[in-house]
Amino acid sequence: MYSKAETSRIRKDFWIAFGQYMKPVPNAQGRRVNWPNYKTGIKDIYFRMKAERGFASIGIEITHADEEFQELIFEQFTQLRKILESCTQEKWDWKLHVENEVGQVISKIEMVKKGVNVMEKKDWPAIISFLKPRIIALDEFWDLVKPGFEDL
């Protein structure tokens, strides 16, 4: 069992390692980007990467407090589904109005890899190998579609 401080340190070390690994990778526009803290530039739309005990995930989260408006944004993404699938080369899970870990209603489009544990350093290469191509693909997707979200 890990103490809270130890758990926090291990998670922090993972994200530092991931950031260092990704540092030389430019974004779709050829610029440097802080991959672990990717900014979409649009309020209430986030790219979230998680590395937990038992799984890693990456996805788009829509967090607008107004659920009807959240649904409109989600619908806008569904119209772009083929572009997302083309960039990622896979089908992701689409979830409208689900609760996140703090009880907030969000909508998300995500991919999950089960069977990995961020607390086990031996799993870090598998987690990084899962996250890296997908965050790069999300950036490529976002570079193509972001203008359609700028007037929200």
Protein backbone atom coordinates (compact mmCIF):
# COMPACT_ATOMS: atom_id res chain seq x y z
CA MET A 1 0.00 0.00 0.00
CA TYR A 2 1.22 3.48 -0.83
CA SER A 3 0.91 6.54 1.37
CA LYS A 4 -0.91 9.57 -0.03
CA ALA A 5 2.39 11.42 -0.42
CA GLU A 6 4.01 8.45 -2.16
CA THR A 7 1.06 8.05 -4.53
CA SER A 8 1.18 11.74 -5.36
CA ARG A 9 4.94 11.63 -5.98
CA ILE A 10 4.70 8.58 -8.25
CA ARG A 11 1.91 10.16 -10.31
CA LYS A 12 3.85 13.42 -10.55
CA ASP A 13 6.98 11.51 -11.61
CA PHE A 14 4.99 9.73 -14.32
CA TRP A 15 3.65 12.98 -15.79
CA ILE A 16 7.11 14.56 -15.66
CA ALA A 17 8.51 11.52 -17.49
CA PHE A 18 5.69 11.68 -20.05
CA GLY A 19 6.28 15.41 -20.57
CA GLN A 20 10.01 14.87 -21.09
CA TYR A 21 9.34 12.02 -23.50
CA MET A 22 6.93 14.19 -25.50
CA LYS A 23 8.96 17.42 -25.33
CA PRO A 24 10.69 17.01 -28.72
CA VAL A 25 7.36 16.29 -30.46
CA PRO A 26 5.90 19.42 -32.13
CA ASN A 27 2.17 19.97 -32.46
CA ALA A 28 0.31 19.88 -35.79
CA GLN A 29 1.43 23.46 -36.50
CA GLY A 30 5.07 22.64 -35.76
CA ARG A 31 5.11 24.44 -32.40
CA ARG A 32 6.24 23.30 -28.97
CA VAL A 33 3.41 22.28 -26.71
CA ASN A 34 3.04 21.16 -23.10
CA TRP A 35 1.51 17.79 -23.94
CA PRO A 36 0.54 16.71 -20.38
CA ASN A 37 -1.37 19.99 -19.92
CA TYR A 38 -2.70 20.37 -23.46
CA LYS A 39 -4.80 23.51 -23.86
CA THR A 40 -7.60 23.42 -26.42
CA GLY A 41 -8.07 27.18 -26.22
CA ILE A 42 -11.85 26.75 -25.96
CA LYS A 43 -13.67 27.18 -22.66
CA ASP A 44 -15.31 23.99 -21.33
CA ILE A 45 -13.54 21.68 -23.85
CA TYR A 46 -10.57 19.75 -22.50
CA PHE A 47 -8.29 16.96 -23.64
CA ARG A 48 -7.80 14.76 -20.57
CA MET A 49 -5.22 12.09 -20.09
CA LYS A 50 -5.38 9.88 -17.03
CA ALA A 51 -3.00 7.27 -15.70
CA GLU A 52 -4.53 5.39 -12.79
CA ARG A 53 -4.39 2.07 -11.00
CA GLY A 54 -5.91 -0.36 -13.46
CA PHE A 55 -6.28 1.86 -16.53
CA ALA A 56 -5.07 4.74 -18.63
CA SER A 57 -7.41 6.93 -20.67
CA ILE A 58 -7.42 9.82 -23.05
CA GLY A 59 -10.36 11.81 -24.24
CA ILE A 60 -12.21 14.97 -25.01
CA GLU A 61 -14.30 16.28 -22.10
CA ILE A 62 -17.10 18.81 -22.46
CA THR A 63 -17.76 20.37 -19.08
CA HIS A 64 -20.19 23.23 -19.75
CA ALA A 65 -22.49 23.61 -16.71
CA ASP A 66 -25.61 24.00 -18.90
CA GLU A 67 -26.44 20.42 -19.92
CA GLU A 68 -28.41 21.50 -23.01
CA PHE A 69 -25.48 23.59 -24.25
CA GLN A 70 -23.16 20.70 -23.39
CA GLU A 71 -25.32 18.47 -25.57
CA LEU A 72 -25.10 20.96 -28.46
CA ILE A 73 -21.30 20.89 -28.26
CA PHE A 74 -21.37 17.08 -28.08
CA GLU A 75 -23.60 16.99 -31.18
CA GLN A 76 -21.13 19.26 -32.97
CA PHE A 77 -18.42 16.71 -32.20
CA THR A 78 -20.61 13.85 -33.49
CA GLN A 79 -20.76 15.62 -36.85
CA LEU A 80 -16.95 15.48 -36.88
CA ARG A 81 -16.76 11.82 -35.84
CA LYS A 82 -15.37 10.60 -39.18
CA ILE A 83 -12.55 13.14 -39.01
CA LEU A 84 -11.69 12.06 -35.45
CA GLU A 85 -11.72 8.40 -36.47
CA SER A 86 -9.55 9.20 -39.48
CA CYS A 87 -6.99 10.99 -37.30
CA THR A 88 -6.95 8.37 -34.53
CA GLN A 89 -7.44 5.32 -36.79
CA GLU A 90 -9.89 3.86 -34.24
CA LYS A 91 -13.41 4.19 -32.87
CA TRP A 92 -13.67 5.92 -29.49
CA ASP A 93 -16.43 5.67 -26.85
CA TRP A 94 -18.96 8.51 -26.93
CA LYS A 95 -20.75 9.31 -23.64
CA LEU A 96 -23.33 12.06 -23.28
CA HIS A 97 -24.06 13.31 -19.76
CA VAL A 98 -22.07 11.10 -17.40
CA GLU A 99 -20.81 11.96 -13.94
CA ASN A 100 -17.09 12.51 -13.46
CA GLU A 101 -15.16 11.63 -10.31
CA VAL A 102 -16.32 14.80 -8.52
CA GLY A 103 -20.00 14.37 -9.41
CA GLN A 104 -20.09 16.94 -12.22
CA VAL A 105 -22.17 16.05 -15.29
CA ILE A 106 -19.92 16.04 -18.34
CA SER A 107 -19.87 14.53 -21.80
CA LYS A 108 -16.83 12.76 -23.15
CA ILE A 109 -15.31 11.01 -26.10
CA GLU A 110 -12.59 8.68 -24.90
CA MET A 111 -10.38 5.66 -25.32
CA VAL A 112 -9.42 3.51 -22.32
CA LYS A 113 -6.61 0.99 -21.89
CA LYS A 114 -7.28 -1.41 -19.05
CA GLY A 115 -4.74 -3.53 -17.23
CA VAL A 116 -2.04 -0.91 -16.64
CA ASN A 117 -1.10 0.69 -13.34
CA VAL A 118 0.67 4.04 -13.06
CA MET A 119 1.96 2.95 -9.65
CA GLU A 120 4.03 0.24 -11.38
CA LYS A 121 7.00 1.80 -13.17
CA LYS A 122 7.19 -1.28 -15.41
CA ASP A 123 3.78 -0.22 -16.87
CA TRP A 124 4.92 3.29 -17.76
CA PRO A 125 6.17 2.37 -21.27
CA ALA A 126 2.78 0.76 -22.07
CA ILE A 127 0.91 3.82 -20.73
CA ILE A 128 3.13 6.21 -22.68
CA SER A 129 2.78 4.07 -25.82
CA PHE A 130 -0.99 4.26 -25.39
CA LEU A 131 -1.18 8.02 -24.73
CA LYS A 132 1.45 9.34 -27.16
CA PRO A 133 -0.09 8.49 -30.54
CA ARG A 134 -3.56 9.45 -29.33
CA ILE A 135 -2.67 12.91 -27.98
CA ILE A 136 -0.78 13.58 -31.23
CA ALA A 137 -3.84 12.43 -33.21
CA LEU A 138 -6.15 14.57 -31.04
CA ASP A 139 -3.93 17.57 -31.73
CA GLU A 140 -4.08 16.85 -35.47
CA PHE A 141 -7.88 16.54 -35.25
CA TRP A 142 -8.15 19.74 -33.20
CA ASP A 143 -5.99 21.65 -35.68
CA LEU A 144 -8.54 20.75 -38.38
CA VAL A 145 -11.77 21.41 -36.45
CA LYS A 146 -11.03 24.05 -33.79
CA PRO A 147 -12.25 26.99 -35.92
CA GLY A 148 -15.76 25.50 -35.78
CA PHE A 149 -15.76 25.82 -31.98
CA GLU A 150 -14.28 29.31 -31.63
CA ASP A 151 -17.63 31.13 -31.59
CA LEU A 152 -19.11 29.12 -28.71
